Amino acid sequence: MRRRETIRARKAGEKHTVRIHWRELAKQYGLGRNAIEWMRPAFQICE
């Protein structure tokens, strides 16, 4: 049981990190608005 809880907590933390940072990282790597909008569906699970 504890292992499952740990895995769930880790996944939740990863989703939170992605939700907060993916747009900023995309801009940092020079991706334009169109590219960011194109990627949005891939990250929608985190929002």
Protein backbone atom coordinates (compact mmCIF):
# COMPACT_ATOMS: atom_id res chain seq x y z
CA MET A 1 0.00 0.00 0.00
CA ARG A 2 2.66 2.51 0.91
CA ARG A 3 4.45 2.03 -2.38
CA ARG A 4 1.27 2.89 -4.32
CA GLU A 5 0.77 6.01 -2.21
CA THR A 6 4.36 7.04 -2.86
CA ILE A 7 3.96 6.53 -6.60
CA ARG A 8 0.71 8.54 -6.63
CA ALA A 9 2.32 11.37 -4.68
CA ARG A 10 5.30 11.42 -7.04
CA LYS A 11 3.04 11.54 -10.10
CA ALA A 12 1.00 14.35 -8.57
CA GLY A 13 4.19 16.29 -7.90
CA GLU A 14 5.41 15.76 -11.46
CA LYS A 15 2.07 16.94 -12.88
CA HIS A 16 2.23 20.04 -10.70
CA THR A 17 5.76 20.83 -11.89
CA VAL A 18 4.84 20.38 -15.53
CA ARG A 19 1.67 22.44 -15.15
CA ILE A 20 3.61 25.36 -13.73
CA HIS A 21 6.72 25.28 -15.87
CA TRP A 22 6.06 23.90 -19.34
CA ARG A 23 5.11 27.20 -20.97
CA GLU A 24 8.09 28.99 -19.41
CA LEU A 25 10.46 26.27 -20.56
CA ALA A 26 9.00 26.38 -24.07
CA LYS A 27 9.66 30.13 -24.24
CA GLN A 28 13.15 29.64 -22.81
CA TYR A 29 13.95 27.23 -25.64
CA GLY A 30 12.72 29.72 -28.20
CA LEU A 31 9.42 28.14 -29.09
CA GLY A 32 6.91 30.62 -30.42
CA ARG A 33 3.29 31.04 -29.52
CA ASN A 34 2.10 28.73 -32.31
CA ALA A 35 4.41 25.94 -31.16
CA ILE A 36 3.29 26.36 -27.57
CA GLU A 37 -0.38 26.23 -28.59
CA TRP A 38 0.33 23.16 -30.72
CA MET A 39 1.86 21.44 -27.67
CA ARG A 40 -0.99 22.38 -25.31
CA PRO A 41 -3.03 19.16 -25.85
CA ALA A 42 -0.05 17.06 -24.80
CA PHE A 43 0.11 18.87 -21.48
CA GLN A 44 -3.63 19.26 -20.90
CA ILE A 45 -3.66 16.25 -18.60
CA CYS A 46 -1.58 18.31 -16.16
CA GLU A 47 -3.91 21.28 -16.12
